[in-house]
Amino acid sequence: MQDRVDSWGKYLFVFLIVGLASSTVSFLLSLVEAWDEEFYLDFILTIDILVGVFTMISAIIMTILFLGWIFLVHKEYNEIAPNYPITPGGALCRILIPFYNIVGLWTVYSNMSRFLMHLDASTVRHAVRIRTFIPFYYFSHMIYSFLNRRLLMDEEYSISLLLWTTGFEVLVSLFYLVMFVAVTSGLKAVREHQQQQRALAEEGEAIPEVT
């Protein structure tokens, strides 16, 4: 299980970096459009379209990798602690189901933080890190989703709305990456704790009884 989680995580990390880079480029190109529309139309528009297509394809792949990774992370947590509050399927439901994910997205990480907080002293700092990043991750995601929906649905083109949307895309891409690192480091700490517990148990069994 650990190998599968780590394998999906490595690919996800690459696409998170790619997503952050491409969203930053999109934001910079939007600034060029706001600064000089004529120059943008003559020299930048084709590049912006290509970047947009690349970003969309990368986002689709990243979403698939994220869903697979978060499923496997919860599967490993459930194997470590059968009483873990969220099942792998439950995690996906909290992320994917409309309206339910308004609360569910937060609870996926808040439950993870709570579990780490109570597991061992060595995992407390990872719990605090995840708990600290949850509001930034959550609200940047929600605001970006709202702005992007408005950008796609509005009939009248607005350069200011485009700038806000691409700006928040950079922020949300950054917090996706930050939360991935926090969750990964927390899971690594849990694995180390489990190894220490097994080692102590084996040492206890190896000590002969004194008669």
Protein backbone atom coordinates (compact mmCIF):
# COMPACT_ATOMS: atom_id res chain seq x y z
CA MET A 1 0.00 0.00 0.00
CA GLN A 2 2.79 2.43 0.88
CA ASP A 3 4.40 1.95 -2.53
CA ARG A 4 1.13 2.72 -4.31
CA VAL A 5 0.51 5.85 -2.26
CA ASP A 6 4.06 7.06 -2.84
CA SER A 7 3.91 6.27 -6.57
CA TRP A 8 0.68 8.22 -7.09
CA GLY A 9 2.08 10.97 -4.89
CA LYS A 10 5.20 11.38 -7.02
CA TYR A 11 3.19 11.83 -10.21
CA LEU A 12 0.75 14.16 -8.45
CA PHE A 13 3.61 16.29 -7.12
CA VAL A 14 4.96 16.74 -10.66
CA PHE A 15 1.58 17.85 -11.98
CA LEU A 16 1.06 20.17 -9.01
CA ILE A 17 4.33 21.89 -9.92
CA VAL A 18 3.26 22.02 -13.57
CA GLY A 19 -0.13 23.44 -12.54
CA LEU A 20 1.48 26.16 -10.43
CA ALA A 21 3.84 27.10 -13.27
CA SER A 22 1.14 27.16 -15.96
CA SER A 23 -1.29 29.17 -13.78
CA THR A 24 1.47 31.70 -13.09
CA VAL A 25 2.12 32.04 -16.82
CA SER A 26 -1.63 32.49 -17.45
CA PHE A 27 -1.77 35.25 -14.84
CA LEU A 28 1.23 37.03 -16.37
CA LEU A 29 -0.32 36.82 -19.83
CA SER A 30 -3.55 38.26 -18.43
CA LEU A 31 -1.54 41.17 -17.05
CA VAL A 32 -0.12 41.75 -20.53
CA GLU A 33 -3.66 41.78 -21.95
CA ALA A 34 -4.76 44.33 -19.34
CA TRP A 35 -1.67 46.46 -19.96
CA ASP A 36 -1.79 46.58 -23.79
CA GLU A 37 -4.66 44.79 -25.51
CA GLU A 38 -3.38 45.51 -29.02
CA PHE A 39 0.05 44.06 -28.28
CA TYR A 40 -1.64 41.07 -26.65
CA LEU A 41 -3.83 40.38 -29.69
CA ASP A 42 -0.89 40.72 -32.12
CA PHE A 43 1.77 38.73 -30.29
CA ILE A 44 0.47 36.96 -27.19
CA LEU A 45 -3.01 35.60 -27.99
CA THR A 46 -1.79 32.40 -29.69
CA ILE A 47 0.60 31.68 -26.83
CA ASP A 48 -2.19 32.29 -24.31
CA ILE A 49 -4.50 29.85 -26.11
CA LEU A 50 -1.80 27.16 -26.14
CA VAL A 51 -1.08 27.75 -22.44
CA GLY A 52 -4.81 27.53 -21.71
CA VAL A 53 -5.14 24.19 -23.52
CA PHE A 54 -2.03 22.83 -21.79
CA THR A 55 -3.32 24.03 -18.40
CA MET A 56 -6.71 22.40 -18.96
CA ILE A 57 -5.18 19.03 -19.92
CA SER A 58 -2.79 19.20 -16.96
CA ALA A 59 -5.67 20.06 -14.61
CA ILE A 60 -7.66 17.02 -15.77
CA ILE A 61 -4.69 14.70 -15.22
CA MET A 62 -3.93 16.33 -11.86
CA THR A 63 -7.54 15.88 -10.71
CA ILE A 64 -7.47 12.17 -11.58
CA LEU A 65 -4.15 11.74 -9.78
CA PHE A 66 -5.39 13.67 -6.75
CA LEU A 67 -8.55 11.57 -6.42
CA GLY A 68 -6.54 8.35 -6.71
CA TRP A 69 -3.95 9.59 -4.24
CA ILE A 70 -6.40 10.82 -1.59
CA PHE A 71 -8.29 7.52 -1.90
CA LEU A 72 -5.09 5.55 -1.28
CA VAL A 73 -4.03 7.83 1.59
CA HIS A 74 -7.32 7.16 3.35
CA LYS A 75 -7.04 3.46 2.58
CA GLU A 76 -3.66 3.36 4.29
CA TYR A 77 -4.98 5.32 7.28
CA ASN A 78 -7.85 2.84 7.58
CA GLU A 79 -5.37 -0.06 7.54
CA ILE A 80 -3.29 1.63 10.25
CA ALA A 81 -6.32 2.56 12.38
CA PRO A 82 -9.58 0.69 11.67
CA ASN A 83 -11.44 3.39 13.63
CA TYR A 84 -10.19 6.19 11.35
CA PRO A 85 -13.27 8.44 10.89
CA ILE A 86 -13.32 8.61 7.06
CA THR A 87 -13.22 5.67 4.63
CA PRO A 88 -11.53 5.96 1.21
CA GLY A 89 -14.93 6.08 -0.48
CA GLY A 90 -16.15 8.59 2.08
CA ALA A 91 -13.24 10.88 1.27
CA LEU A 92 -14.12 10.84 -2.43
CA CYS A 93 -17.78 11.54 -1.65
CA ARG A 94 -16.82 14.54 0.48
CA ILE A 95 -14.78 15.94 -2.41
CA LEU A 96 -16.95 15.08 -5.42
CA ILE A 97 -20.60 15.36 -4.39
CA PRO A 98 -21.98 18.87 -5.06
CA PHE A 99 -23.11 20.86 -2.00
CA TYR A 100 -21.89 18.06 0.29
CA ASN A 101 -18.33 18.99 -0.69
CA ILE A 102 -18.84 22.51 0.68
CA VAL A 103 -18.48 20.99 4.15
CA GLY A 104 -16.90 17.68 3.13
CA LEU A 105 -13.72 19.14 1.67
CA TRP A 106 -12.93 20.80 5.00
CA THR A 107 -13.71 17.68 7.05
CA VAL A 108 -11.38 15.47 4.97
CA TYR A 109 -8.40 17.45 6.28
CA SER A 110 -9.76 18.43 9.69
CA ASN A 111 -10.32 14.76 10.57
CA MET A 112 -6.82 13.94 9.36
CA SER A 113 -5.41 16.71 11.54
CA ARG A 114 -7.40 15.50 14.56
CA PHE A 115 -6.17 11.94 14.06
CA LEU A 116 -2.54 13.07 13.92
CA MET A 117 -3.03 15.31 16.95
CA HIS A 118 -4.12 12.38 19.14
CA LEU A 119 -1.89 9.65 17.70
CA ASP A 120 1.50 10.52 19.19
CA ALA A 121 3.63 13.48 20.24
CA SER A 122 5.77 13.01 17.11
CA THR A 123 2.78 13.64 14.83
CA VAL A 124 1.38 16.71 16.61
CA ARG A 125 3.40 19.23 14.58
CA HIS A 126 2.11 17.69 11.35
CA ALA A 127 -1.44 17.96 12.68
CA VAL A 128 -0.90 21.63 13.49
CA ARG A 129 0.56 22.25 10.02
CA ILE A 130 -2.42 20.69 8.25
CA ARG A 131 -4.89 22.50 10.51
CA THR A 132 -3.13 25.81 9.82
CA PHE A 133 -3.28 25.38 6.05
CA ILE A 134 -6.92 24.20 5.87
CA PRO A 135 -8.51 27.71 5.76
CA PHE A 136 -6.10 28.93 3.07
CA TYR A 137 -6.60 25.77 1.01
CA TYR A 138 -10.37 25.74 1.44
CA PHE A 139 -11.21 29.41 0.85
CA SER A 140 -8.81 29.85 -2.07
CA HIS A 141 -10.38 26.76 -3.67
CA MET A 142 -13.94 28.00 -3.11
CA ILE A 143 -13.25 31.57 -4.26
CA TYR A 144 -11.42 30.35 -7.36
CA SER A 145 -14.26 27.96 -8.21
CA PHE A 146 -16.78 30.80 -7.88
CA LEU A 147 -14.73 33.23 -9.98
CA ASN A 148 -14.01 30.64 -12.66
CA ARG A 149 -17.72 29.76 -12.88
CA ARG A 150 -18.59 33.44 -13.29
CA LEU A 151 -15.90 33.90 -15.93
CA LEU A 152 -17.28 31.01 -17.97
CA MET A 153 -20.94 31.99 -17.59
CA ASP A 154 -20.81 35.79 -17.98
CA GLU A 155 -21.77 36.92 -21.46
CA GLU A 156 -19.83 40.16 -21.17
CA TYR A 157 -16.04 39.81 -21.18
CA SER A 158 -14.33 41.40 -18.17
CA ILE A 159 -10.56 41.79 -17.97
CA SER A 160 -10.77 42.57 -14.25
CA LEU A 161 -12.66 39.31 -13.61
CA LEU A 162 -10.05 37.47 -15.68
CA LEU A 163 -7.25 38.96 -13.57
CA TRP A 164 -8.97 38.00 -10.32
CA THR A 165 -9.62 34.49 -11.60
CA THR A 166 -6.10 33.82 -12.87
CA GLY A 167 -4.67 35.42 -9.73
CA PHE A 168 -6.65 33.10 -7.49
CA GLU A 169 -5.69 30.20 -9.74
CA VAL A 170 -2.08 30.86 -8.78
CA LEU A 171 -3.00 31.00 -5.09
CA VAL A 172 -5.06 27.82 -5.15
CA SER A 173 -2.34 25.99 -7.09
CA LEU A 174 0.16 27.03 -4.44
CA PHE A 175 -2.06 25.87 -1.57
CA TYR A 176 -2.78 22.57 -3.36
CA LEU A 177 0.96 21.99 -3.37
CA VAL A 178 1.41 23.12 0.23
CA MET A 179 -1.40 20.85 1.47
CA PHE A 180 -0.01 17.91 -0.49
CA VAL A 181 3.36 18.34 1.22
CA ALA A 182 1.70 18.67 4.65
CA VAL A 183 -0.41 15.52 4.18
CA THR A 184 2.55 13.56 2.80
CA SER A 185 4.83 14.52 5.67
CA GLY A 186 2.08 13.67 8.18
CA LEU A 187 1.60 10.23 6.65
CA LYS A 188 5.36 9.66 6.70
CA ALA A 189 5.41 10.51 10.42
CA VAL A 190 2.59 8.03 11.06
CA ARG A 191 4.54 5.30 9.25
CA GLU A 192 7.63 6.04 11.34
CA HIS A 193 5.53 5.88 14.51
CA GLN A 194 4.11 2.52 13.43
CA GLN A 195 7.61 1.17 12.74
CA GLN A 196 8.79 2.28 16.19
CA GLN A 197 5.79 0.61 17.81
CA ARG A 198 6.48 -2.64 15.98
CA ALA A 199 10.16 -2.49 16.91
CA LEU A 200 9.31 -1.99 20.58
CA ALA A 201 6.85 -4.87 20.45
CA GLU A 202 9.46 -7.16 18.88
CA GLU A 203 12.03 -6.14 21.50
CA GLY A 204 9.52 -6.92 24.25
CA GLU A 205 8.90 -10.37 22.80
CA ALA A 206 12.63 -11.02 22.48
CA ILE A 207 13.37 -10.33 26.18
CA PRO A 208 13.35 -13.68 28.03
CA GLU A 209 11.24 -13.94 31.15
CA VAL A 210 13.16 -13.98 34.45
CA THR A 211 12.15 -16.95 36.64
